[in-house]
N, C-alpha and C. Protein backbone atom coordinates (compact mmCIF):
# COMPACT_ATOMS: atom_id res chain seq x y z
N MET A 1 42.31 137.46 141.21
CA MET A 1 42.33 136.28 142.03
C MET A 1 43.21 135.19 141.40
N LYS A 2 43.09 135.06 140.05
CA LYS A 2 43.90 134.06 139.36
C LYS A 2 45.39 134.35 139.50
N LYS A 3 45.74 135.63 139.40
CA LYS A 3 47.14 136.02 139.50
C LYS A 3 47.70 135.68 140.88
N ILE A 4 46.94 135.92 141.90
CA ILE A 4 47.38 135.63 143.27
C ILE A 4 47.57 134.14 143.44
N LEU A 5 46.65 133.34 142.91
CA LEU A 5 46.73 131.89 143.00
C LEU A 5 47.97 131.38 142.25
N ILE A 6 48.25 131.91 141.06
CA ILE A 6 49.44 131.50 140.29
C ILE A 6 50.71 131.87 141.04
N ILE A 7 50.77 133.05 141.60
CA ILE A 7 51.95 133.49 142.36
C ILE A 7 52.15 132.61 143.58
N LEU A 8 51.07 132.28 144.28
CA LEU A 8 51.13 131.43 145.46
C LEU A 8 51.64 130.04 145.10
N ILE A 9 51.10 129.45 144.05
CA ILE A 9 51.52 128.11 143.62
C ILE A 9 52.98 128.14 143.18
N SER A 10 53.39 129.15 142.43
CA SER A 10 54.78 129.27 141.98
C SER A 10 55.73 129.37 143.17
N THR A 11 55.35 130.16 144.15
CA THR A 11 56.19 130.33 145.34
C THR A 11 56.33 129.02 146.09
N ILE A 12 55.25 128.29 146.25
CA ILE A 12 55.28 126.99 146.95
C ILE A 12 56.15 126.01 146.17
N LEU A 13 56.02 125.97 144.85
CA LEU A 13 56.83 125.06 144.04
C LEU A 13 58.32 125.41 144.13
N ILE A 14 58.64 126.69 144.05
CA ILE A 14 60.04 127.10 144.13
C ILE A 14 60.61 126.78 145.50
N ALA A 15 59.87 127.09 146.56
CA ALA A 15 60.34 126.80 147.92
C ALA A 15 60.49 125.30 148.13
N GLY A 16 59.55 124.53 147.63
CA GLY A 16 59.61 123.07 147.79
C GLY A 16 60.80 122.49 147.05
N CYS A 17 61.03 122.93 145.81
CA CYS A 17 62.18 122.44 145.03
C CYS A 17 63.49 122.83 145.70
N SER A 18 63.56 124.06 146.18
CA SER A 18 64.78 124.52 146.85
C SER A 18 65.06 123.68 148.09
N PHE A 19 64.02 123.37 148.86
CA PHE A 19 64.18 122.56 150.06
C PHE A 19 64.64 121.16 149.70
N ILE A 20 64.02 120.55 148.71
CA ILE A 20 64.37 119.18 148.31
C ILE A 20 65.79 119.14 147.78
N LEU A 21 66.16 120.08 146.90
CA LEU A 21 67.51 120.09 146.34
C LEU A 21 68.55 120.38 147.42
N GLY A 22 68.25 121.32 148.28
CA GLY A 22 69.17 121.64 149.37
C GLY A 22 69.36 120.46 150.30
N TYR A 23 68.30 119.76 150.58
CA TYR A 23 68.37 118.59 151.45
C TYR A 23 69.19 117.49 150.81
N SER A 24 68.97 117.24 149.52
CA SER A 24 69.68 116.15 148.86
C SER A 24 71.17 116.48 148.73
N PHE A 25 71.53 117.78 148.47
CA PHE A 25 72.93 118.14 148.38
C PHE A 25 73.60 118.11 149.74
N SER A 26 72.91 118.57 150.77
CA SER A 26 73.53 118.60 152.08
C SER A 26 73.77 117.19 152.61
N ASN A 27 72.97 116.23 152.25
CA ASN A 27 73.19 114.86 152.68
C ASN A 27 74.35 114.21 151.94
N LYS A 28 74.70 114.69 150.75
CA LYS A 28 75.78 114.09 149.96
C LYS A 28 77.13 114.72 150.26
N LYS A 29 77.19 115.74 151.09
CA LYS A 29 78.46 116.39 151.38
C LYS A 29 79.45 115.41 152.00
N ASN A 30 78.99 114.57 152.89
CA ASN A 30 79.89 113.68 153.62
C ASN A 30 80.07 112.33 152.94
N GLU A 31 79.41 112.10 151.82
CA GLU A 31 79.58 110.85 151.11
C GLU A 31 80.85 110.90 150.28
N ILE A 32 81.59 109.81 150.25
CA ILE A 32 82.81 109.73 149.46
C ILE A 32 82.56 108.75 148.32
N PRO A 33 82.78 109.16 147.09
CA PRO A 33 82.58 108.25 145.98
C PRO A 33 83.52 107.05 146.09
N GLU A 34 83.11 105.92 145.53
CA GLU A 34 83.89 104.69 145.65
C GLU A 34 85.25 104.80 144.98
N ASN A 35 85.36 105.50 143.86
CA ASN A 35 86.63 105.55 143.13
C ASN A 35 87.64 106.56 143.67
N ILE A 36 87.31 107.28 144.72
CA ILE A 36 88.23 108.30 145.25
C ILE A 36 89.41 107.66 145.99
N SER A 37 89.29 106.44 146.43
CA SER A 37 90.39 105.80 147.15
C SER A 37 91.60 105.57 146.26
N SER A 38 91.44 105.55 144.95
CA SER A 38 92.57 105.34 144.06
C SER A 38 93.33 106.63 143.76
N ILE A 39 92.80 107.78 144.12
CA ILE A 39 93.45 109.05 143.79
C ILE A 39 94.80 109.20 144.47
N PRO A 40 94.96 108.97 145.79
CA PRO A 40 96.29 109.14 146.38
C PRO A 40 97.35 108.26 145.74
N GLU A 41 97.01 107.04 145.34
CA GLU A 41 97.99 106.18 144.70
C GLU A 41 98.45 106.79 143.38
N ASN A 42 97.52 107.34 142.62
CA ASN A 42 97.88 107.96 141.35
C ASN A 42 98.75 109.19 141.57
N LEU A 43 98.43 109.98 142.60
CA LEU A 43 99.21 111.18 142.88
C LEU A 43 100.62 110.82 143.31
N GLU A 44 100.75 109.81 144.16
CA GLU A 44 102.06 109.42 144.64
C GLU A 44 102.94 108.95 143.49
N SER A 45 102.38 108.21 142.55
CA SER A 45 103.19 107.72 141.44
C SER A 45 103.64 108.86 140.55
N LYS A 46 102.87 109.94 140.43
CA LYS A 46 103.26 111.08 139.60
C LYS A 46 104.26 111.98 140.31
N GLN A 47 104.30 111.94 141.63
CA GLN A 47 105.22 112.81 142.36
C GLN A 47 106.66 112.37 142.18
N ASN A 48 106.91 111.14 141.81
CA ASN A 48 108.27 110.64 141.66
C ASN A 48 108.86 110.92 140.28
N LEU A 49 108.10 111.53 139.39
CA LEU A 49 108.61 111.83 138.06
C LEU A 49 109.60 112.98 138.14
N PRO A 50 110.69 112.93 137.37
CA PRO A 50 111.66 114.04 137.41
C PRO A 50 111.06 115.29 136.77
N VAL A 51 111.40 116.43 137.35
CA VAL A 51 110.93 117.71 136.82
C VAL A 51 112.08 118.35 136.07
N LYS A 52 111.85 118.68 134.81
CA LYS A 52 112.89 119.30 134.00
C LYS A 52 112.79 120.81 134.16
N GLU A 53 113.81 121.40 134.78
CA GLU A 53 113.82 122.84 134.98
C GLU A 53 114.57 123.47 133.81
N THR A 54 113.94 124.42 133.17
CA THR A 54 114.59 125.12 132.07
C THR A 54 115.06 126.48 132.58
N LEU A 55 116.35 126.70 132.48
CA LEU A 55 116.93 127.95 132.94
C LEU A 55 117.01 128.91 131.77
N PRO A 56 116.79 130.19 132.02
CA PRO A 56 116.85 131.16 130.92
C PRO A 56 118.27 131.34 130.40
N ASP A 57 118.39 131.68 129.12
CA ASP A 57 119.71 131.98 128.55
C ASP A 57 120.23 133.31 129.07
N LYS A 58 119.31 134.27 129.26
CA LYS A 58 119.68 135.60 129.76
C LYS A 58 118.65 136.04 130.80
N TYR A 59 119.11 136.81 131.75
CA TYR A 59 118.18 137.43 132.70
C TYR A 59 118.78 138.73 133.20
N GLY A 60 117.91 139.57 133.71
CA GLY A 60 118.34 140.84 134.27
C GLY A 60 118.04 140.89 135.75
N GLY A 61 118.72 141.76 136.42
CA GLY A 61 118.50 141.92 137.85
C GLY A 61 118.52 143.39 138.23
N GLU A 62 117.78 143.72 139.26
CA GLU A 62 117.74 145.10 139.76
C GLU A 62 117.80 145.06 141.28
N VAL A 63 118.70 145.85 141.83
CA VAL A 63 118.81 145.97 143.28
C VAL A 63 118.61 147.44 143.62
N ILE A 64 117.67 147.70 144.51
CA ILE A 64 117.44 149.06 144.99
C ILE A 64 117.85 149.10 146.46
N GLN A 65 118.79 149.98 146.77
CA GLN A 65 119.29 150.15 148.13
C GLN A 65 118.76 151.48 148.64
N VAL A 66 118.21 151.48 149.84
CA VAL A 66 117.69 152.72 150.42
C VAL A 66 118.45 153.05 151.70
N GLY A 67 118.58 154.32 151.96
CA GLY A 67 119.24 154.77 153.18
C GLY A 67 120.62 155.33 152.95
N GLY A 68 121.18 155.14 151.76
CA GLY A 68 122.50 155.69 151.46
C GLY A 68 123.62 154.94 152.16
N GLU A 69 124.73 155.62 152.29
CA GLU A 69 125.93 155.03 152.89
C GLU A 69 125.63 154.53 154.31
N GLY A 70 126.07 153.31 154.61
CA GLY A 70 125.87 152.73 155.93
C GLY A 70 124.62 151.86 156.03
N SER A 71 123.74 151.91 155.06
CA SER A 71 122.50 151.12 155.10
C SER A 71 122.63 149.87 154.22
N GLU A 72 122.16 148.77 154.73
CA GLU A 72 122.14 147.53 153.95
C GLU A 72 120.72 147.13 153.59
N ILE A 73 119.78 148.05 153.67
CA ILE A 73 118.39 147.78 153.31
C ILE A 73 118.27 147.80 151.80
N HIS A 74 117.81 146.70 151.23
CA HIS A 74 117.73 146.62 149.78
C HIS A 74 116.61 145.67 149.35
N GLN A 75 116.22 145.81 148.09
CA GLN A 75 115.21 144.96 147.47
C GLN A 75 115.81 144.40 146.18
N VAL A 76 115.56 143.12 145.91
CA VAL A 76 116.13 142.45 144.75
C VAL A 76 115.01 141.94 143.84
N LYS A 77 115.16 142.19 142.54
CA LYS A 77 114.24 141.65 141.54
C LYS A 77 115.08 141.00 140.44
N ALA A 78 114.53 139.94 139.85
CA ALA A 78 115.16 139.31 138.69
C ALA A 78 114.07 139.10 137.65
N TYR A 79 114.44 139.23 136.39
CA TYR A 79 113.46 139.07 135.32
C TYR A 79 114.13 138.43 134.12
N GLU A 80 113.35 137.64 133.40
CA GLU A 80 113.87 136.94 132.23
C GLU A 80 113.94 137.91 131.05
N ILE A 81 115.00 137.78 130.28
CA ILE A 81 115.16 138.58 129.07
C ILE A 81 115.14 137.63 127.88
N ASN A 82 114.10 137.72 127.07
CA ASN A 82 114.07 136.97 125.82
C ASN A 82 113.20 137.70 124.82
N GLU A 83 113.14 137.17 123.60
CA GLU A 83 112.40 137.84 122.54
C GLU A 83 110.89 137.77 122.77
N LEU A 84 110.43 136.75 123.48
CA LEU A 84 108.99 136.53 123.63
C LEU A 84 108.37 137.34 124.77
N ALA A 85 109.08 137.44 125.87
CA ALA A 85 108.44 138.09 127.01
C ALA A 85 109.48 138.55 128.02
N HIS A 86 109.07 139.52 128.82
CA HIS A 86 109.82 139.94 130.00
C HIS A 86 108.93 139.63 131.19
N GLY A 87 109.37 138.74 132.04
CA GLY A 87 108.56 138.41 133.20
C GLY A 87 109.42 138.32 134.43
N TYR A 88 108.90 138.80 135.55
CA TYR A 88 109.66 138.70 136.80
C TYR A 88 109.78 137.25 137.20
N MET A 89 110.93 136.89 137.72
CA MET A 89 111.20 135.53 138.16
C MET A 89 110.94 135.48 139.66
N PRO A 90 110.39 134.37 140.13
CA PRO A 90 110.18 134.27 141.57
C PRO A 90 111.52 134.25 142.30
N SER A 91 111.54 134.84 143.45
CA SER A 91 112.72 134.85 144.31
C SER A 91 113.96 135.42 143.62
N GLY A 92 114.01 136.73 143.55
CA GLY A 92 115.15 137.41 142.94
C GLY A 92 116.47 137.09 143.63
N GLU A 93 116.43 136.75 144.92
CA GLU A 93 117.65 136.44 145.67
C GLU A 93 118.34 135.19 145.14
N GLU A 94 117.60 134.29 144.47
CA GLU A 94 118.23 133.10 143.90
C GLU A 94 119.02 133.44 142.64
N TRP A 95 118.74 134.58 142.03
CA TRP A 95 119.35 134.94 140.76
C TRP A 95 120.35 136.08 140.87
N VAL A 96 120.22 136.90 141.88
CA VAL A 96 121.09 138.08 142.04
C VAL A 96 121.69 138.05 143.44
N SER A 97 123.03 138.07 143.50
CA SER A 97 123.73 138.09 144.80
C SER A 97 124.03 139.54 145.17
N VAL A 98 123.80 139.86 146.43
CA VAL A 98 124.08 141.21 146.94
C VAL A 98 124.84 141.07 148.25
N TRP A 99 125.94 141.80 148.38
CA TRP A 99 126.62 141.84 149.66
C TRP A 99 127.30 143.19 149.83
N PHE A 100 127.54 143.53 151.09
CA PHE A 100 128.11 144.82 151.45
C PHE A 100 129.42 144.58 152.19
N ASN A 101 130.36 145.54 152.09
CA ASN A 101 131.56 145.43 152.90
C ASN A 101 131.22 145.86 154.32
N SER A 102 132.13 145.66 155.26
CA SER A 102 131.80 145.88 156.67
C SER A 102 131.42 147.32 157.04
N PRO A 103 132.05 148.37 156.51
CA PRO A 103 131.51 149.69 156.85
C PRO A 103 130.26 150.04 156.02
N SER A 104 129.86 149.18 155.13
CA SER A 104 128.64 149.34 154.33
C SER A 104 128.66 150.55 153.41
N TYR A 105 129.78 150.78 152.74
CA TYR A 105 129.75 151.82 151.73
C TYR A 105 130.00 151.25 150.33
N LEU A 106 130.38 149.96 150.24
CA LEU A 106 130.48 149.30 148.95
C LEU A 106 129.38 148.23 148.87
N MET A 107 128.59 148.29 147.81
CA MET A 107 127.55 147.28 147.57
C MET A 107 127.95 146.53 146.31
N ASN A 108 128.08 145.21 146.43
CA ASN A 108 128.45 144.36 145.30
C ASN A 108 127.25 143.56 144.85
N VAL A 109 127.04 143.50 143.54
CA VAL A 109 125.91 142.79 142.95
C VAL A 109 126.49 141.85 141.88
N ASP A 110 126.03 140.61 141.87
CA ASP A 110 126.59 139.65 140.92
C ASP A 110 125.52 138.67 140.43
N CYS A 111 125.83 137.98 139.34
CA CYS A 111 124.94 136.97 138.76
C CYS A 111 125.07 135.67 139.55
N ARG A 112 124.09 134.80 139.34
CA ARG A 112 124.15 133.50 139.98
C ARG A 112 125.20 132.65 139.28
N GLU A 113 125.62 131.58 139.94
CA GLU A 113 126.64 130.70 139.40
C GLU A 113 126.19 130.12 138.07
N GLY A 114 127.12 130.07 137.11
CA GLY A 114 126.81 129.55 135.78
C GLY A 114 126.46 130.64 134.78
N TYR A 115 126.43 131.90 135.25
CA TYR A 115 126.09 133.03 134.38
C TYR A 115 127.20 134.07 134.47
N LYS A 116 127.40 134.81 133.37
CA LYS A 116 128.42 135.87 133.32
C LYS A 116 127.72 137.20 133.08
N MET A 117 128.14 138.22 133.81
CA MET A 117 127.55 139.55 133.70
C MET A 117 128.04 140.24 132.42
N TYR A 118 127.11 140.84 131.68
CA TYR A 118 127.52 141.60 130.51
C TYR A 118 127.02 143.05 130.55
N LEU A 119 126.30 143.43 131.60
CA LEU A 119 125.85 144.81 131.76
C LEU A 119 125.82 145.15 133.24
N CYS A 120 126.31 146.35 133.54
CA CYS A 120 126.31 146.84 134.93
C CYS A 120 126.03 148.33 134.88
N LYS A 121 124.96 148.76 135.54
CA LYS A 121 124.64 150.19 135.62
C LYS A 121 124.39 150.54 137.08
N VAL A 122 124.98 151.64 137.52
CA VAL A 122 124.77 152.14 138.87
C VAL A 122 124.09 153.49 138.74
N ASN A 123 122.87 153.59 139.24
CA ASN A 123 122.06 154.81 139.09
C ASN A 123 122.02 155.27 137.63
N ASP A 124 121.78 154.31 136.73
CA ASP A 124 121.64 154.54 135.28
C ASP A 124 122.92 155.02 134.59
N VAL A 125 124.06 154.87 135.23
CA VAL A 125 125.36 155.20 134.62
C VAL A 125 126.14 153.89 134.52
N ASP A 126 126.83 153.69 133.37
CA ASP A 126 127.61 152.47 133.20
C ASP A 126 128.59 152.29 134.34
N GLY A 127 128.59 151.10 134.90
CA GLY A 127 129.50 150.77 135.97
C GLY A 127 130.60 149.85 135.47
N ILE A 128 131.49 149.48 136.35
CA ILE A 128 132.61 148.61 136.01
C ILE A 128 132.25 147.19 136.39
N ILE A 129 132.41 146.27 135.43
CA ILE A 129 132.17 144.86 135.71
C ILE A 129 133.49 144.25 136.11
N ASP A 130 133.56 143.79 137.34
CA ASP A 130 134.76 143.16 137.87
C ASP A 130 134.54 141.65 137.84
N GLU A 131 135.55 140.90 137.40
CA GLU A 131 135.42 139.45 137.44
C GLU A 131 135.23 139.01 138.89
N HIS A 132 134.72 137.81 139.05
CA HIS A 132 134.42 137.29 140.39
C HIS A 132 135.56 137.58 141.33
N PRO A 133 135.38 137.92 142.55
CA PRO A 133 134.18 137.74 143.33
C PRO A 133 133.31 138.98 143.47
N PHE A 134 133.63 140.09 142.80
CA PHE A 134 132.91 141.32 143.12
C PHE A 134 131.74 141.65 142.21
N GLY A 135 131.75 141.29 140.95
CA GLY A 135 130.64 141.60 140.06
C GLY A 135 130.55 143.08 139.77
N CYS A 136 129.43 143.68 140.02
CA CYS A 136 129.18 145.11 139.80
C CYS A 136 129.19 145.79 141.17
N THR A 137 130.04 146.79 141.32
CA THR A 137 130.20 147.43 142.63
C THR A 137 129.68 148.86 142.59
N ALA A 138 128.88 149.20 143.58
CA ALA A 138 128.41 150.57 143.76
C ALA A 138 129.10 151.13 145.00
N ASN A 139 129.87 152.19 144.82
CA ASN A 139 130.54 152.84 145.93
C ASN A 139 129.57 153.90 146.49
N LEU A 140 128.86 153.54 147.54
CA LEU A 140 127.83 154.42 148.11
C LEU A 140 128.42 155.71 148.67
N HIS A 141 129.68 155.66 149.10
CA HIS A 141 130.35 156.86 149.61
C HIS A 141 130.57 157.87 148.48
N GLU A 142 131.02 157.38 147.33
CA GLU A 142 131.28 158.27 146.19
C GLU A 142 129.99 158.78 145.54
N LEU A 143 128.88 158.06 145.72
CA LEU A 143 127.62 158.50 145.13
C LEU A 143 127.05 159.71 145.85
N GLY A 144 127.62 160.05 146.98
CA GLY A 144 127.20 161.25 147.70
C GLY A 144 126.01 160.99 148.60
N ASN A 145 125.27 162.02 148.86
CA ASN A 145 124.16 161.96 149.81
C ASN A 145 122.87 161.50 149.11
N THR A 146 122.89 160.31 148.55
CA THR A 146 121.69 159.76 147.91
C THR A 146 121.05 158.75 148.85
N THR A 147 119.75 158.83 149.00
CA THR A 147 119.07 157.90 149.90
C THR A 147 118.50 156.71 149.15
N ARG A 148 118.56 156.74 147.82
CA ARG A 148 118.08 155.62 147.01
C ARG A 148 119.08 155.38 145.89
N ASN A 149 119.61 154.16 145.82
CA ASN A 149 120.57 153.81 144.78
C ASN A 149 120.08 152.56 144.06
N LYS A 150 120.34 152.53 142.76
CA LYS A 150 119.85 151.41 141.95
C LYS A 150 121.00 150.83 141.15
N VAL A 151 121.10 149.49 141.18
CA VAL A 151 122.08 148.77 140.37
C VAL A 151 121.31 147.82 139.47
N ASN A 152 121.58 147.92 138.17
CA ASN A 152 120.98 147.00 137.20
C ASN A 152 122.08 146.15 136.60
N ILE A 153 121.80 144.86 136.46
CA ILE A 153 122.77 143.97 135.82
C ILE A 153 122.03 143.13 134.78
N ALA A 154 122.80 142.59 133.83
CA ALA A 154 122.27 141.63 132.87
C ALA A 154 123.27 140.48 132.80
N CYS A 155 122.74 139.26 132.79
CA CYS A 155 123.58 138.08 132.86
C CYS A 155 123.21 137.11 131.74
N ALA A 156 124.22 136.37 131.25
CA ALA A 156 123.99 135.36 130.22
C ALA A 156 124.69 134.08 130.64
N LYS A 157 124.17 132.94 130.16
CA LYS A 157 124.80 131.66 130.48
C LYS A 157 126.23 131.65 129.99
N GLU A 158 127.10 131.06 130.80
CA GLU A 158 128.52 130.97 130.43
C GLU A 158 128.71 129.85 129.43
């Protein structure tokens, strides 16, 4: 009998506390603290600060073209090359330029402005680095009947 009474009292206390706490929290959801009105002013003043963008000294790029000759379907990745880490960079298209000639059998890959290419590989074979405007060129016609082609480049600040 004592055990039942203790369990009953414990249950009532837990339910009562839960109800009271839930009620007090639910009533405070719509309350706004007095000092919150100063937050937008602080945020606006910090938004005008200049952001210093640090560009990598070296980076690599990879372009995978699928479909073979005549296809312009491709995926671009860029990644930082340094002693500390290798990490993919957001938006590979900002770092690696890709364009095709009109019959779509030449694919040209190049570094972004301000960088010079020092490595070019087409399907893991050393390619020819041509000075601007062509960069690293993959001749999809000469590569034969391949449905997946890969161009890797490495670029360094000029």
